[in-house]
Amino acid sequence: MRVIVHRGATIPTAEYSSLRVDYTVEAEVPSGKNASDFVSELETTLDASISKQRQAYDRNDVLIVPSDLEKLPWKKYERGPGEWIRAETAGAEGLLAKLQASNGLWQNSNYVYKLSKSKSSGRLFIKRFRSNQTPVNIAKPVREGDS
């Protein structure tokens, strides 16, 4: 017998921001095991994973997984180093929350990330530069109208 277990939660990450976390497991019930008990075990495991996510945000410490950042649809600048995405890009919620909690600037071992705002449209963007290619002006704090 095959079972599918789904668990999900919406986790507040910052003011006016949240992250949707969904886990789905499809598994064969081991022979000799009660299907109901097996489903309960899977639910408990998924609930624990969601709880870990909640705890990270409850501490105001946004969990950022570098491999998840690499999956985002980064666009290279036509001129100069760096890449960008729109702040509302699916999958960038955690990074956006981290930037909002860090005055618009955050760095991991590979990249420096900066939150910026288009002067013309008011839209938010996330820029990133390799740590060894960071433009001199990247360290300026985010201000209204920054781009």
Protein backbone atom coordinates (compact mmCIF):
# COMPACT_ATOMS: atom_id res chain seq x y z
CA MET A 1 0.00 0.00 0.00
CA ARG A 2 1.25 3.45 -0.92
CA VAL A 3 0.48 6.53 1.19
CA ILE A 4 0.89 10.25 0.60
CA VAL A 5 1.30 12.59 3.56
CA HIS A 6 1.30 16.36 3.19
CA ARG A 7 2.01 18.98 5.83
CA GLY A 8 2.32 22.71 5.42
CA ALA A 9 2.40 25.97 7.28
CA THR A 10 2.67 29.68 6.63
CA ILE A 11 5.41 31.11 8.82
CA PRO A 12 5.65 34.87 9.53
CA THR A 13 9.21 35.93 8.65
CA ALA A 14 9.18 39.72 9.01
CA GLU A 15 6.67 42.52 9.20
CA TYR A 16 4.19 42.04 6.33
CA SER A 17 6.10 39.00 5.07
CA SER A 18 5.74 35.25 5.41
CA LEU A 19 7.10 32.01 4.05
CA ARG A 20 4.99 29.07 2.94
CA VAL A 21 6.56 25.72 3.86
CA ASP A 22 5.10 22.54 2.34
CA TYR A 23 6.33 18.97 2.63
CA THR A 24 4.90 15.95 0.83
CA VAL A 25 6.07 12.38 1.31
CA GLU A 26 4.94 9.50 -0.83
CA ALA A 27 5.99 6.13 0.57
CA GLU A 28 5.23 2.45 0.54
CA VAL A 29 3.94 1.15 3.88
CA PRO A 30 6.54 -1.38 5.08
CA SER A 31 5.23 -4.93 5.17
CA GLY A 32 3.92 -5.92 8.58
CA LYS A 33 3.41 -2.29 9.60
CA ASN A 34 -0.02 -0.79 10.32
CA ALA A 35 -0.77 1.87 7.67
CA SER A 36 -2.31 4.24 10.21
CA ASP A 37 0.73 4.03 12.50
CA PHE A 38 3.06 4.57 9.53
CA VAL A 39 1.14 7.68 8.44
CA SER A 40 1.32 9.02 12.02
CA GLU A 41 5.11 8.52 12.03
CA LEU A 42 5.44 10.41 8.74
CA GLU A 43 3.22 13.23 10.03
CA THR A 44 5.35 13.51 13.18
CA THR A 45 8.54 13.72 11.10
CA LEU A 46 7.09 16.41 8.82
CA ASP A 47 5.70 18.36 11.78
CA ALA A 48 9.19 18.34 13.32
CA SER A 49 10.65 19.78 10.11
CA ILE A 50 8.06 22.56 10.08
CA SER A 51 8.73 23.22 13.76
CA LYS A 52 12.45 23.71 13.02
CA GLN A 53 11.55 26.25 10.34
CA ARG A 54 9.25 28.08 12.78
CA GLN A 55 11.94 28.16 15.47
CA ALA A 56 14.43 29.72 13.08
CA TYR A 57 12.00 32.53 12.27
CA ASP A 58 10.81 32.89 15.86
CA ARG A 59 14.40 33.75 16.78
CA ASN A 60 14.35 36.44 14.06
CA ASP A 61 17.01 34.37 12.35
CA VAL A 62 15.92 33.63 8.81
CA LEU A 63 17.08 30.23 7.61
CA ILE A 64 18.91 30.63 4.30
CA VAL A 65 20.00 27.53 2.39
CA PRO A 66 22.73 28.46 -0.15
CA SER A 67 21.68 25.76 -2.62
CA ASP A 68 18.14 27.25 -2.63
CA LEU A 69 19.58 30.66 -3.53
CA GLU A 70 21.35 29.12 -6.54
CA LYS A 71 18.01 27.82 -7.85
CA LEU A 72 16.56 31.33 -8.12
CA PRO A 73 16.31 32.80 -11.65
CA TRP A 74 19.18 35.28 -11.33
CA LYS A 75 19.70 37.60 -14.32
CA LYS A 76 23.20 38.85 -15.12
CA TYR A 77 23.78 42.55 -15.53
CA GLU A 78 24.58 43.49 -19.13
CA ARG A 79 27.49 45.60 -17.92
CA GLY A 80 29.61 44.84 -14.91
CA PRO A 81 29.55 42.07 -12.35
CA GLY A 82 26.53 40.89 -10.45
CA GLU A 83 23.05 39.49 -10.88
CA TRP A 84 19.54 40.49 -9.87
CA ILE A 85 16.01 39.22 -9.31
CA ARG A 86 12.74 40.87 -8.39
CA ALA A 87 12.16 40.75 -4.63
CA GLU A 88 8.77 39.07 -5.11
CA THR A 89 10.34 36.14 -7.00
CA ALA A 90 8.96 32.81 -5.77
CA GLY A 91 11.52 31.12 -3.56
CA ALA A 92 13.18 34.40 -2.51
CA GLU A 93 10.92 35.01 0.51
CA GLY A 94 13.53 33.95 3.07
CA LEU A 95 16.26 36.03 1.43
CA LEU A 96 13.95 39.05 1.28
CA ALA A 97 13.10 38.64 4.98
CA LYS A 98 16.81 38.35 5.83
CA LEU A 99 17.58 41.52 3.87
CA GLN A 100 14.70 43.41 5.46
CA ALA A 101 15.94 42.39 8.92
CA SER A 102 19.54 43.33 8.02
CA ASN A 103 19.05 46.92 6.81
CA GLY A 104 19.03 45.74 3.19
CA LEU A 105 22.49 44.17 3.15
CA TRP A 106 23.56 40.59 3.88
CA GLN A 107 26.57 38.46 3.03
CA ASN A 108 27.22 34.74 3.04
CA SER A 109 30.48 33.00 2.13
CA ASN A 110 30.01 33.44 -1.63
CA TYR A 111 27.91 36.54 -2.25
CA VAL A 112 26.94 39.96 -0.95
CA TYR A 113 23.19 40.57 -1.31
CA LYS A 114 21.57 44.01 -1.41
CA LEU A 115 17.93 45.06 -1.39
CA SER A 116 17.25 47.99 -3.67
CA LYS A 117 14.26 49.98 -4.86
CA SER A 118 13.66 51.25 -8.37
CA LYS A 119 13.39 55.03 -8.53
CA SER A 120 10.90 54.91 -11.39
CA SER A 121 8.56 52.05 -10.42
CA GLY A 122 9.15 51.72 -6.66
CA ARG A 123 9.63 47.98 -7.20
CA LEU A 124 12.02 46.08 -4.91
CA PHE A 125 14.94 44.12 -6.34
CA ILE A 126 17.60 41.89 -4.86
CA LYS A 127 21.10 42.30 -6.23
CA ARG A 128 23.96 39.93 -5.61
CA PHE A 129 27.67 40.13 -6.26
CA ARG A 130 30.39 37.56 -5.67
CA SER A 131 32.22 38.50 -2.49
CA ASN A 132 35.41 39.13 -4.48
CA GLN A 133 33.59 41.31 -7.09
CA THR A 134 31.66 43.60 -4.77
CA PRO A 135 31.29 47.16 -6.11
CA VAL A 136 32.56 49.85 -3.77
CA ASN A 137 29.09 51.40 -3.29
CA ILE A 138 27.36 48.14 -2.30
CA ALA A 139 27.92 48.85 1.39
CA LYS A 140 25.70 51.95 1.33
CA PRO A 141 22.55 51.39 3.40
CA VAL A 142 19.28 51.03 1.50
CA ARG A 143 17.46 54.34 1.21
CA GLU A 144 14.19 55.36 -0.33
CA GLY A 145 14.78 55.59 -4.08
CA ASP A 146 17.94 53.43 -4.11
CA SER A 147 18.35 51.38 -7.24
